[in-house]
PDB file of N, CA and C in Angstrom:
ATOM      1  N   MET A   1       1.135  -1.495   0.147  1.00  0.00           N
ATOM      2  CA  MET A   1      -0.135   0.161  -0.102  1.00  0.00           C
ATOM      3  C   MET A   1       0.959   1.224   0.303  1.00  0.00           C
ATOM      4  N   LEU A   2       1.651   1.058   0.715  1.00  0.00           N
ATOM      5  CA  LEU A   2       3.006   2.493   0.451  1.00  0.00           C
ATOM      6  C   LEU A   2       3.604   2.497  -0.667  1.00  0.00           C
ATOM      7  N   ARG A   3       3.670   1.795  -1.491  1.00  0.00           N
ATOM      8  CA  ARG A   3       4.310   1.949  -2.733  1.00  0.00           C
ATOM      9  C   ARG A   3       3.017   2.477  -3.775  1.00  0.00           C
ATOM     10  N   ARG A   4       2.158   1.839  -3.641  1.00  0.00           N
ATOM     11  CA  ARG A   4       0.856   2.575  -4.380  1.00  0.00           C
ATOM     12  C   ARG A   4       0.867   3.812  -3.840  1.00  0.00           C
ATOM     13  N   ARG A   5       0.495   4.210  -2.652  1.00  0.00           N
ATOM     14  CA  ARG A   5       0.726   5.601  -2.402  1.00  0.00           C
ATOM     15  C   ARG A   5       2.399   6.638  -2.735  1.00  0.00           C
ATOM     16  N   ALA A   6       2.954   5.797  -2.927  1.00  0.00           N
ATOM     17  CA  ALA A   6       4.304   6.897  -3.496  1.00  0.00           C
ATOM     18  C   ALA A   6       3.824   7.272  -4.896  1.00  0.00           C
ATOM     19  N   ASN A   7       3.694   6.577  -5.476  1.00  0.00           N
ATOM     20  CA  ASN A   7       3.620   6.291  -6.657  1.00  0.00           C
ATOM     21  C   ASN A   7       2.365   7.097  -7.371  1.00  0.00           C
ATOM     22  N   LEU A   8       1.018   7.299  -6.400  1.00  0.00           N
ATOM     23  CA  LEU A   8       0.125   8.154  -6.743  1.00  0.00           C
ATOM     24  C   LEU A   8       0.853   9.709  -6.310  1.00  0.00           C
ATOM     25  N   LEU A   9       0.744   9.757  -4.968  1.00  0.00           N
ATOM     26  CA  LEU A   9       1.797  11.362  -4.692  1.00  0.00           C
ATOM     27  C   LEU A   9       3.373  11.611  -6.070  1.00  0.00           C
ATOM     28  N   ARG A  10       3.958  10.893  -6.601  1.00  0.00           N
ATOM     29  CA  ARG A  10       4.383  11.020  -7.582  1.00  0.00           C
ATOM     30  C   ARG A  10       3.816  11.704  -8.929  1.00  0.00           C
ATOM     31  N   LEU A  11       2.977  10.921  -8.918  1.00  0.00           N
ATOM     32  CA  LEU A  11       1.984  11.096 -10.465  1.00  0.00           C
ATOM     33  C   LEU A  11       1.252  12.409  -9.897  1.00  0.00           C
ATOM     34  N   ALA A  12       0.998  12.828  -9.161  1.00  0.00           N
ATOM     35  CA  ALA A  12       0.221  14.456  -8.616  1.00  0.00           C
ATOM     36  C   ALA A  12       0.973  15.255  -8.616  1.00  0.00           C
ATOM     37  N   ILE A  13       2.601  15.020  -8.131  1.00  0.00           N
ATOM     38  CA  ILE A  13       3.403  15.998  -8.559  1.00  0.00           C
ATOM     39  C   ILE A  13       3.861  16.084  -9.807  1.00  0.00           C
ATOM     40  N   ILE A  14       4.365  15.904 -10.812  1.00  0.00           N
ATOM     41  CA  ILE A  14       4.275  15.503 -11.783  1.00  0.00           C
ATOM     42  C   ILE A  14       3.615  16.268 -12.361  1.00  0.00           C
ATOM     43  N   LEU A  15       2.014  16.212 -12.356  1.00  0.00           N
ATOM     44  CA  LEU A  15       0.796  16.533 -13.400  1.00  0.00           C
ATOM     45  C   LEU A  15       1.054  18.101 -12.978  1.00  0.00           C
ATOM     46  N   ALA A  16       0.806  18.370 -11.807  1.00  0.00           N
ATOM     47  CA  ALA A  16       1.162  19.707 -10.875  1.00  0.00           C
ATOM     48  C   ALA A  16       2.393  20.405 -11.275  1.00  0.00           C
ATOM     49  N   VAL A  17       3.556  19.503 -11.414  1.00  0.00           N
ATOM     50  CA  VAL A  17       4.667  20.706 -12.179  1.00  0.00           C
ATOM     51  C   VAL A  17       4.614  21.025 -13.301  1.00  0.00           C
ATOM     52  N   VAL A  18       3.636  20.032 -14.257  1.00  0.00           N
ATOM     53  CA  VAL A  18       3.668  20.073 -15.751  1.00  0.00           C
ATOM     54  C   VAL A  18       2.755  21.298 -15.987  1.00  0.00           C
ATOM     55  N   SER A  19       1.646  21.261 -15.065  1.00  0.00           N
ATOM     56  CA  SER A  19       1.035  21.857 -15.642  1.00  0.00           C
ATOM     57  C   SER A  19       1.580  23.844 -15.169  1.00  0.00           C
ATOM     58  N   VAL A  20       2.150  23.893 -14.145  1.00  0.00           N
ATOM     59  CA  VAL A  20       2.817  25.189 -13.929  1.00  0.00           C
ATOM     60  C   VAL A  20       4.067  25.569 -15.016  1.00  0.00           C
ATOM     61  N   LEU A  21       4.282  24.478 -15.573  1.00  0.00           N
ATOM     62  CA  LEU A  21       5.134  24.981 -16.854  1.00  0.00           C
ATOM     63  C   LEU A  21       4.399  25.389 -17.545  1.00  0.00           C
ATOM     64  N   MET A  22       3.622  24.126 -18.254  1.00  0.00           N
ATOM     65  CA  MET A  22       1.964  24.898 -18.935  1.00  0.00           C
ATOM     66  C   MET A  22       1.884  26.470 -18.664  1.00  0.00           C
ATOM     67  N   SER A  23       1.546  26.785 -17.736  1.00  0.00           N
ATOM     68  CA  SER A  23       1.328  28.484 -17.249  1.00  0.00           C
ATOM     69  C   SER A  23       2.167  29.222 -17.516  1.00  0.00           C
ATOM     70  N   ALA A  24       3.621  29.148 -17.374  1.00  0.00           N
ATOM     71  CA  ALA A  24       4.788  29.541 -17.678  1.00  0.00           C
ATOM     72  C   ALA A  24       4.583  30.051 -18.937  1.00  0.00           C
ATOM     73  N   LEU A  25       4.199  29.436 -19.882  1.00  0.00           N
ATOM     74  CA  LEU A  25       4.367  29.001 -21.679  1.00  0.00           C
ATOM     75  C   LEU A  25       3.305  29.897 -21.804  1.00  0.00           C
ATOM     76  N   LEU A  26       1.789  29.511 -21.274  1.00  0.00           N
ATOM     77  CA  LEU A  26       1.183  30.225 -21.995  1.00  0.00           C
ATOM     78  C   LEU A  26       1.186  32.226 -21.302  1.00  0.00           C
ATOM     79  N   VAL A  27       1.863  32.116 -20.483  1.00  0.00           N
ATOM     80  CA  VAL A  27       2.630  33.871 -20.377  1.00  0.00           C
ATOM     81  C   VAL A  27       3.231  34.162 -21.051  1.00  0.00           C
ATOM     82  N   ILE A  28       4.393  33.345 -21.478  1.00  0.00           N
ATOM     83  CA  ILE A  28       5.476  33.853 -22.663  1.00  0.00           C
ATOM     84  C   ILE A  28       4.946  33.547 -23.477  1.00  0.00           C
ATOM     85  N   THR A  29       4.129  33.177 -24.278  1.00  0.00           N
ATOM     86  CA  THR A  29       3.090  33.175 -25.526  1.00  0.00           C
ATOM     87  C   THR A  29       2.303  34.739 -25.494  1.00  0.00           C
ATOM     88  N   LEU A  30       1.542  34.335 -24.451  1.00  0.00           N
ATOM     89  CA  LEU A  30       1.254  35.680 -24.707  1.00  0.00           C
ATOM     90  C   LEU A  30       1.840  37.185 -24.810  1.00  0.00           C
ATOM     91  N   PHE A  31       2.848  36.860 -23.706  1.00  0.00           N
ATOM     92  CA  PHE A  31       3.650  38.371 -23.560  1.00  0.00           C
ATOM     93  C   PHE A  31       4.283  38.565 -25.087  1.00  0.00           C
ATOM     94  N   ILE A  32       5.014  37.645 -25.701  1.00  0.00           N
ATOM     95  CA  ILE A  32       5.248  37.586 -26.711  1.00  0.00           C
ATOM     96  C   ILE A  32       4.086  37.797 -27.858  1.00  0.00           C
ATOM     97  N   THR A  33       2.963  37.665 -28.211  1.00  0.00           N
ATOM     98  CA  THR A  33       2.076  37.662 -28.974  1.00  0.00           C
ATOM     99  C   THR A  33       1.765  39.544 -28.949  1.00  0.00           C
ATOM    100  N   ALA A  34       1.236  39.364 -27.639  1.00  0.00           N
ATOM    101  CA  ALA A  34       1.397  40.932 -27.109  1.00  0.00           C
ATOM    102  C   ALA A  34       2.367  41.966 -27.953  1.00  0.00           C
ATOM    103  N   ALA A  35       3.630  41.747 -27.581  1.00  0.00           N
ATOM    104  CA  ALA A  35       4.911  42.364 -27.682  1.00  0.00           C
ATOM    105  C   ALA A  35       5.146  42.365 -29.756  1.00  0.00           C
ATOM    106  N   ALA A  36       4.426  41.408 -30.389  1.00  0.00           N
ATOM    107  CA  ALA A  36       4.799  41.511 -31.507  1.00  0.00           C
ATOM    108  C   ALA A  36       3.457  41.911 -32.191  1.00  0.00           C
ATOM    109  N   ARG A  37       2.457  42.400 -31.388  1.00  0.00           N
ATOM    110  CA  ARG A  37       1.027  42.600 -31.592  1.00  0.00           C
ATOM    111  C   ARG A  37       0.370  41.748 -32.825  1.00  0.00           C
ATOM    112  N   SER A  38       0.446  40.281 -32.654  1.00  0.00           N
ATOM    113  CA  SER A  38       0.082  39.030 -33.580  1.00  0.00           C
ATOM    114  C   SER A  38      -0.837  38.660 -32.723  1.00  0.00           C
ATOM    115  N   ASP A  39      -2.315  38.213 -34.126  1.00  0.00           N
ATOM    116  CA  ASP A  39      -3.253  37.415 -33.143  1.00  0.00           C
ATOM    117  C   ASP A  39      -2.748  35.968 -33.405  1.00  0.00           C
ATOM    118  N   VAL A  40      -2.544  35.321 -32.096  1.00  0.00           N
ATOM    119  CA  VAL A  40      -2.176  33.866 -32.285  1.00  0.00           C
ATOM    120  C   VAL A  40      -3.248  33.473 -31.167  1.00  0.00           C
ATOM    121  N   GLY A  41      -4.331  32.981 -31.356  1.00  0.00           N
ATOM    122  CA  GLY A  41      -5.087  32.496 -30.585  1.00  0.00           C
ATOM    123  C   GLY A  41      -4.699  30.932 -30.146  1.00  0.00           C
ATOM    124  N   MET A  42      -5.147  30.084 -30.781  1.00  0.00           N
ATOM    125  CA  MET A  42      -4.867  28.502 -31.035  1.00  0.00           C
ATOM    126  C   MET A  42      -4.049  27.988 -30.016  1.00  0.00           C
ATOM    127  N   PRO A  43      -2.387  28.700 -29.838  1.00  0.00           N
ATOM    128  CA  PRO A  43      -1.570  27.994 -29.158  1.00  0.00           C
ATOM    129  C   PRO A  43      -2.177  28.907 -27.617  1.00  0.00           C
ATOM    130  N   VAL A  44      -2.856  29.949 -27.163  1.00  0.00           N
ATOM    131  CA  VAL A  44      -2.804  30.211 -26.183  1.00  0.00           C
ATOM    132  C   VAL A  44      -3.816  29.295 -25.520  1.00  0.00           C
ATOM    133  N   ILE A  45      -5.017  28.820 -26.565  1.00  0.00           N
ATOM    134  CA  ILE A  45      -6.078  28.051 -26.103  1.00  0.00           C
ATOM    135  C   ILE A  45      -5.648  26.786 -25.587  1.00  0.00           C
ATOM    136  N   VAL A  46      -4.644  26.252 -26.813  1.00  0.00           N
ATOM    137  CA  VAL A  46      -4.364  24.915 -26.479  1.00  0.00           C
ATOM    138  C   VAL A  46      -3.245  24.729 -25.015  1.00  0.00           C
ATOM    139  N   LEU A  47      -2.991  25.684 -24.960  1.00  0.00           N
ATOM    140  CA  LEU A  47      -1.899  26.073 -23.407  1.00  0.00           C
ATOM    141  C   LEU A  47      -2.695  25.699 -21.972  1.00  0.00           C
ATOM    142  N   PHE A  48      -3.866  26.925 -22.197  1.00  0.00           N
ATOM    143  CA  PHE A  48      -4.489  27.344 -21.577  1.00  0.00           C
ATOM    144  C   PHE A  48      -5.047  25.633 -21.017  1.00  0.00           C
ATOM    145  N   LEU A  49      -5.811  25.212 -21.521  1.00  0.00           N
ATOM    146  CA  LEU A  49      -6.479  24.112 -21.793  1.00  0.00           C
ATOM    147  C   LEU A  49      -5.925  22.215 -21.067  1.00  0.00           C
ATOM    148  N   ALA A  50      -4.676  22.877 -21.665  1.00  0.00           N
ATOM    149  CA  ALA A  50      -3.597  21.752 -21.087  1.00  0.00           C
ATOM    150  C   ALA A  50      -3.249  22.013 -19.586  1.00  0.00           C
ATOM    151  N   SER A  51      -3.271  23.066 -19.142  1.00  0.00           N
ATOM    152  CA  SER A  51      -2.509  23.645 -18.085  1.00  0.00           C
ATOM    153  C   SER A  51      -3.666  23.349 -16.931  1.00  0.00           C
ATOM    154  N   MET A  52      -5.043  23.400 -17.305  1.00  0.00           N
ATOM    155  CA  MET A  52      -5.881  23.507 -16.687  1.00  0.00           C
ATOM    156  C   MET A  52      -6.476  21.683 -16.655  1.00  0.00           C
ATOM    157  N   LEU A  53      -6.756  21.330 -17.398  1.00  0.00           N
ATOM    158  CA  LEU A  53      -6.491  19.680 -16.963  1.00  0.00           C
ATOM    159  C   LEU A  53      -5.487  19.218 -16.491  1.00  0.00           C
ATOM    160  N   LEU A  54      -4.123  19.166 -16.281  1.00  0.00           N
ATOM    161  CA  LEU A  54      -3.391  19.018 -15.652  1.00  0.00           C
ATOM    162  C   LEU A  54      -3.616  19.426 -14.601  1.00  0.00           C
ATOM    163  N   LEU A  55      -3.887  20.425 -14.013  1.00  0.00           N
ATOM    164  CA  LEU A  55      -4.223  20.892 -12.671  1.00  0.00           C
ATOM    165  C   LEU A  55      -4.926  19.804 -11.904  1.00  0.00           C
ATOM    166  N   ILE A  56      -5.865  19.591 -13.438  1.00  0.00           N
ATOM    167  CA  ILE A  56      -7.294  19.101 -12.519  1.00  0.00           C
ATOM    168  C   ILE A  56      -7.200  17.441 -12.083  1.00  0.00           C
ATOM    169  N   LEU A  57      -6.047  17.202 -13.000  1.00  0.00           N
ATOM    170  CA  LEU A  57      -6.051  15.632 -12.960  1.00  0.00           C
ATOM    171  C   LEU A  57      -4.865  15.745 -11.913  1.00  0.00           C
ATOM    172  N   SER A  58      -4.217  16.308 -11.505  1.00  0.00           N
ATOM    173  CA  SER A  58      -3.051  16.216 -10.120  1.00  0.00           C
ATOM    174  C   SER A  58      -3.737  16.655  -9.051  1.00  0.00           C
ATOM    175  N   LEU A  59      -5.167  17.331  -8.888  1.00  0.00           N
ATOM    176  CA  LEU A  59      -5.908  17.441  -7.588  1.00  0.00           C
ATOM    177  C   LEU A  59      -6.745  15.767  -7.471  1.00  0.00           C
ATOM    178  N   ILE A  60      -7.243  15.684  -8.766  1.00  0.00           N
ATOM    179  CA  ILE A  60      -7.420  13.620  -8.651  1.00  0.00           C
ATOM    180  C   ILE A  60      -6.860  12.977  -8.124  1.00  0.00           C
ATOM    181  N   VAL A  61      -5.364  12.781  -8.266  1.00  0.00           N
ATOM    182  CA  VAL A  61      -4.875  12.103  -7.660  1.00  0.00           C
ATOM    183  C   VAL A  61      -4.433  12.426  -6.098  1.00  0.00           C
ATOM    184  N   PHE A  62      -4.085  13.525  -5.994  1.00  0.00           N
ATOM    185  CA  PHE A  62      -4.132  13.919  -4.681  1.00  0.00           C
ATOM    186  C   PHE A  62      -5.146  13.392  -3.856  1.00  0.00           C
ATOM    187  N   ILE A  63      -6.707  13.815  -4.113  1.00  0.00           N
ATOM    188  CA  ILE A  63      -7.457  13.005  -3.592  1.00  0.00           C
ATOM    189  C   ILE A  63      -7.527  11.605  -3.460  1.00  0.00           C
ATOM    190  N   GLN A  64      -7.117  10.636  -4.858  1.00  0.00           N
ATOM    191  CA  GLN A  64      -6.716   9.258  -4.527  1.00  0.00           C
ATOM    192  C   GLN A  64      -6.066   8.883  -3.526  1.00  0.00           C
ATOM    193  N   ASP A  65      -5.334   9.847  -3.469  1.00  0.00           N
ATOM    194  CA  ASP A  65      -3.843   9.081  -2.390  1.00  0.00           C
ATOM    195  C   ASP A  65      -4.499   9.662  -1.118  1.00  0.00           C
ATOM    196  N   LEU A  66      -4.918  11.034  -0.634  1.00  0.00           N
ATOM    197  CA  LEU A  66      -6.138  11.200   0.632  1.00  0.00           C
ATOM    198  C   LEU A  66      -6.755  10.002   0.998  1.00  0.00           C
ATOM    199  N   ASN A  67      -7.614   9.997   0.335  1.00  0.00           N
ATOM    200  CA  ASN A  67      -8.214   8.318   0.436  1.00  0.00           C
ATOM    201  C   ASN A  67      -7.627   6.830   0.707  1.00  0.00           C
ATOM    202  N   LEU A  68      -6.618   7.142   0.324  1.00  0.00           N
ATOM    203  CA  LEU A  68      -6.095   5.919   0.254  1.00  0.00           C
ATOM    204  C   LEU A  68      -5.181   5.630   1.660  1.00  0.00           C
ATOM    205  N   SER A  69      -4.617   7.223   2.145  1.00  0.00           N
ATOM    206  CA  SER A  69      -4.051   7.179   3.065  1.00  0.00           C
ATOM    207  C   SER A  69      -5.120   6.679   4.736  1.00  0.00           C
ATOM    208  N   LEU A  70      -6.538   7.840   4.293  1.00  0.00           N
ATOM    209  CA  LEU A  70      -7.447   7.443   5.483  1.00  0.00           C
ATOM    210  C   LEU A  70      -7.664   5.756   5.347  1.00  0.00           C
ATOM    211  N   GLU A  71      -7.852   5.191   4.241  1.00  0.00           N
ATOM    212  CA  GLU A  71      -8.508   4.069   4.111  1.00  0.00           C
ATOM    213  C   GLU A  71      -7.372   3.069   5.141  1.00  0.00           C
ATOM    214  N   ALA A  72      -6.077   3.326   4.841  1.00  0.00           N
ATOM    215  CA  ALA A  72      -4.514   2.977   5.666  1.00  0.00           C
ATOM    216  C   ALA A  72      -5.121   3.158   7.187  1.00  0.00           C
ATOM    217  N   VAL A  73      -5.167   4.001   7.229  1.00  0.00           N
ATOM    218  CA  VAL A  73      -4.806   4.356   8.760  1.00  0.00           C
ATOM    219  C   VAL A  73      -6.613   3.912   9.967  1.00  0.00           C
ATOM    220  N   LYS A  74      -7.693   4.344   8.887  1.00  0.00           N
ATOM    221  CA  LYS A  74      -8.888   3.594   9.400  1.00  0.00           C
ATOM    222  C   LYS A  74      -9.279   4.178  10.875  1.00  0.00           C
ATOM    223  N   LEU A  75      -9.697   5.556  10.434  1.00  0.00           N
ATOM    224  CA  LEU A  75      -9.922   6.745  11.608  1.00  0.00           C
ATOM    225  C   LEU A  75     -10.971   6.169  12.341  1.00  0.00           C
ATOM    226  N   GLU A  76     -11.041   6.017  13.680  1.00  0.00           N
ATOM    227  CA  GLU A  76     -12.935   5.823  13.960  1.00  0.00           C
ATOM    228  C   GLU A  76     -13.049   6.948  14.742  1.00  0.00           C
ATOM    229  N   ILE A  77     -14.139   6.788  14.371  1.00  0.00           N
ATOM    230  CA  ILE A  77     -14.743   8.329  15.434  1.00  0.00           C
ATOM    231  C   ILE A  77     -15.577   8.235  16.496  1.00  0.00           C
ATOM    232  N   ASP A  78     -15.660   7.921  17.574  1.00  0.00           N
ATOM    233  CA  ASP A  78     -16.613   8.236  18.699  1.00  0.00           C
ATOM    234  C   ASP A  78     -17.814   8.983  18.436  1.00  0.00           C
ATOM    235  N   PRO A  79     -19.184   8.560  19.031  1.00  0.00           N
ATOM    236  CA  PRO A  79     -20.244   9.030  18.936  1.00  0.00           C
ATOM    237  C   PRO A  79     -19.674  11.045  19.853  1.00  0.00           C
ATOM    238  N   ASP A  80     -19.189  10.831  20.428  1.00  0.00           N
ATOM    239  CA  ASP A  80     -18.758  11.898  20.721  1.00  0.00           C
ATOM    240  C   ASP A  80     -17.902  12.933  20.193  1.00  0.00           C
ATOM    241  N   GLY A  81     -17.579  12.767  19.348  1.00  0.00           N
ATOM    242  CA  GLY A  81     -17.162  13.303  18.260  1.00  0.00           C
ATOM    243  C   GLY A  81     -15.524  12.998  18.568  1.00  0.00           C
ATOM    244  N   SER A  82     -14.991  12.534  19.513  1.00  0.00           N
ATOM    245  CA  SER A  82     -13.363  12.739  19.260  1.00  0.00           C
ATOM    246  C   SER A  82     -12.840  11.479  18.449  1.00  0.00           C
ATOM    247  N   VAL A  83     -11.712  11.647  17.986  1.00  0.00           N
ATOM    248  CA  VAL A  83     -11.092  10.354  16.749  1.00  0.00           C
ATOM    249  C   VAL A  83     -10.236   9.961  17.748  1.00  0.00           C
ATOM    250  N   SER A  84     -10.105   8.593  17.153  1.00  0.00           N
ATOM    251  CA  SER A  84      -9.078   7.760  17.975  1.00  0.00           C
ATOM    252  C   SER A  84      -8.584   7.083  16.847  1.00  0.00           C
ATOM    253  N   LEU A  85      -7.255   6.602  17.195  1.00  0.00           N
ATOM    254  CA  LEU A  85      -7.124   5.422  16.323  1.00  0.00           C
ATOM    255  C   LEU A  85      -7.153   4.001  16.978  1.00  0.00           C
ATOM    256  N   PRO A  86      -7.132   2.933  15.998  1.00  0.00           N
ATOM    257  CA  PRO A  86      -7.567   1.871  16.405  1.00  0.00           C
ATOM    258  C   PRO A  86      -6.278   1.541  17.269  1.00  0.00           C
ATOM    259  N   ALA A  87      -6.191   0.252  18.191  1.00  0.00           N
ATOM    260  CA  ALA A  87      -4.749  -0.001  18.866  1.00  0.00           C
ATOM    261  C   ALA A  87      -3.850  -0.832  17.676  1.00  0.00           C
ATOM    262  N   SER A  88      -2.438  -0.434  17.822  1.00  0.00           N
ATOM    263  CA  SER A  88      -2.013  -1.199  16.937  1.00  0.00           C
ATOM    264  C   SER A  88      -1.511  -2.439  17.664  1.00  0.00           C
ATOM    265  N   PRO A  89      -1.315  -3.777  16.577  1.00  0.00           N
ATOM    266  CA  PRO A  89      -1.082  -4.863  16.972  1.00  0.00           C
ATOM    267  C   PRO A  89       0.234  -4.977  17.454  1.00  0.00           C
ATOM    268  N   ARG A  90       1.012  -5.847  18.558  1.00  0.00           N
ATOM    269  CA  ARG A  90       2.091  -5.631  18.759  1.00  0.00           C
ATOM    270  C   ARG A  90       2.359  -7.197  19.557  1.00  0.00           C
TER     271      ARG A  90
END
């Protein structure tokens, strides 16, 4: 289970980093098109959509990891609202 969590986290971080890189390319593209006074719409649209899609995928993978970690810990919530961990087997 630990290996699966590590793989999920690695994937989520990679997706988030690529999303940030796409956003940086988007800003550079917007700056160049504004400085050149040209109208290049399609690359801007593609970079924006790719950046948002990668960010959404990254968040979905982070949520999967969160659910997996909560499943592993199996928190028990008492009726009074307090949280207790199950006794560790020794």
